[in-house]
Protein backbone atom coordinates (compact mmCIF):
# COMPACT_ATOMS: atom_id res chain seq x y z
CA MET A 1 14.75 -0.96 -16.43
CA VAL A 2 11.15 -2.16 -16.06
CA GLN A 3 11.89 -3.47 -12.62
CA LYS A 4 13.23 -0.11 -11.49
CA LEU A 5 10.14 1.60 -12.86
CA LEU A 6 8.00 -0.86 -10.95
CA LEU A 7 9.94 -0.08 -7.80
CA TYR A 8 9.52 3.71 -8.30
CA TYR A 9 5.82 3.24 -9.00
CA LEU A 10 5.34 1.16 -5.82
CA VAL A 11 7.19 3.78 -3.75
CA PHE A 12 5.15 6.58 -5.32
CA MET A 13 1.84 4.86 -4.70
CA SER A 14 2.88 3.96 -1.13
CA VAL A 15 3.63 7.62 -0.37
CA ILE A 16 0.31 8.72 -1.82
CA THR A 17 -1.51 6.03 0.14
CA PHE A 18 0.37 6.81 3.41
CA VAL A 19 -0.56 10.46 3.07
CA THR A 20 -4.18 9.62 2.26
CA PHE A 21 -4.45 7.48 5.38
CA GLY A 22 -3.10 10.47 7.37
CA ILE A 23 -5.58 12.81 5.86
CA ASP A 24 -8.43 10.43 6.56
CA LYS A 25 -7.34 10.12 10.19
CA PHE A 26 -7.20 13.95 10.51
CA LEU A 27 -10.72 14.17 8.94
CA ALA A 28 -11.94 11.54 11.42
CA LEU A 29 -10.54 13.49 14.37
CA LYS A 30 -12.18 16.68 13.17
CA SER A 31 -15.51 14.89 12.46
CA LEU A 32 -15.36 15.95 8.82
CA ARG A 33 -16.37 14.11 5.69
CA ARG A 34 -14.14 11.03 5.33
CA ILE A 35 -12.28 9.28 2.52
CA SER A 36 -14.17 6.11 1.70
CA GLU A 37 -12.82 2.70 2.68
CA LYS A 38 -13.31 1.68 -0.95
CA ARG A 39 -10.95 4.45 -2.03
CA LEU A 40 -8.38 3.43 0.59
CA HIS A 41 -8.52 -0.19 -0.57
CA THR A 42 -8.27 0.92 -4.19
CA LEU A 43 -5.05 2.81 -3.46
CA SER A 44 -3.62 -0.34 -1.83
CA LEU A 45 -4.66 -2.44 -4.75
CA LEU A 46 -2.99 0.02 -7.13
CA GLY A 47 0.32 -0.54 -5.42
CA GLY A 48 0.15 1.52 -2.27
CA PHE A 49 -0.04 -1.53 0.03
CA VAL A 50 3.21 -0.65 1.83
CA GLY A 51 1.98 2.84 2.48
CA ALA A 52 -1.33 1.55 3.70
CA LEU A 53 0.40 -0.75 6.17
CA PHE A 54 2.61 2.02 7.48
CA GLY A 55 -0.33 4.48 7.52
CA MET A 56 -2.41 2.08 9.58
CA ALA A 57 0.48 1.63 12.02
CA PHE A 58 1.71 5.21 12.21
CA PHE A 59 -1.61 6.97 12.47
CA ARG A 60 -3.26 4.05 14.33
CA HIS A 61 -5.97 4.30 11.72
CA LYS A 62 -8.51 1.60 10.87
CA VAL A 63 -6.65 -1.02 13.02
CA SER A 64 -9.70 -1.71 15.18
CA LYS A 65 -11.97 -2.29 12.15
CA LYS A 66 -11.48 -6.04 11.66
CA GLU A 67 -13.11 -6.32 8.23
CA PHE A 68 -10.99 -3.42 6.87
CA TYR A 69 -7.82 -4.83 8.45
CA LEU A 70 -8.46 -8.26 6.94
CA LYS A 71 -9.06 -6.81 3.50
CA GLU A 72 -5.80 -4.88 3.70
CA LEU A 73 -3.94 -8.01 4.79
CA ALA A 74 -5.42 -9.83 1.79
CA ILE A 75 -4.29 -7.08 -0.58
CA ILE A 76 -0.79 -7.12 0.90
CA PHE A 77 -0.68 -10.92 0.59
CA ILE A 78 -1.78 -10.76 -3.07
CA TRP A 79 0.90 -8.18 -3.86
CA ILE A 80 3.67 -10.09 -2.11
CA ILE A 81 2.72 -13.28 -3.94
CA TRP A 82 2.60 -11.49 -7.28
CA LEU A 83 5.96 -9.78 -6.70
CA VAL A 84 7.65 -13.00 -5.68
CA PHE A 85 6.39 -14.86 -8.66
CA TYR A 86 7.19 -11.98 -10.98
CA PHE A 87 10.85 -11.69 -9.90
CA LEU A 88 11.38 -15.48 -9.57
CA ASP A 89 9.73 -16.17 -12.93
CA TYR A 90 11.95 -13.64 -14.70
CA ASN A 91 14.96 -14.36 -12.50
CA ARG A 92 15.31 -10.65 -11.85
CA LEU A 93 15.99 -10.60 -8.11
CA ASN A 94 19.21 -8.71 -8.82
CA PHE A 95 17.49 -5.79 -10.57
CA LEU A 96 19.06 -3.17 -8.28
CA ASP A 97 22.62 -4.14 -9.06
CA VAL A 98 24.42 -1.27 -10.68
CA GLY A 99 27.47 -3.22 -11.80
């Protein structure tokens, strides 16, 4: 049950982060006040790392900013390591089984 809630949380945060990247790209194109990089990184750290990755690719946003890109890659790497250890440690790689 906890694993499914974690999955739902990560999906929710990824959608929020993806939309936020899209909004920031729109604001950039219109030369309006932007969403801070700190806020974008925070959303990634809070679980929206997949949405950030897709947002960067889909909107072609922040991909040329090397420092931002490297920070995002570090966040993604940290999340992947944590998730692997979490599911291996608790032997819960089959949490989506319904049978």
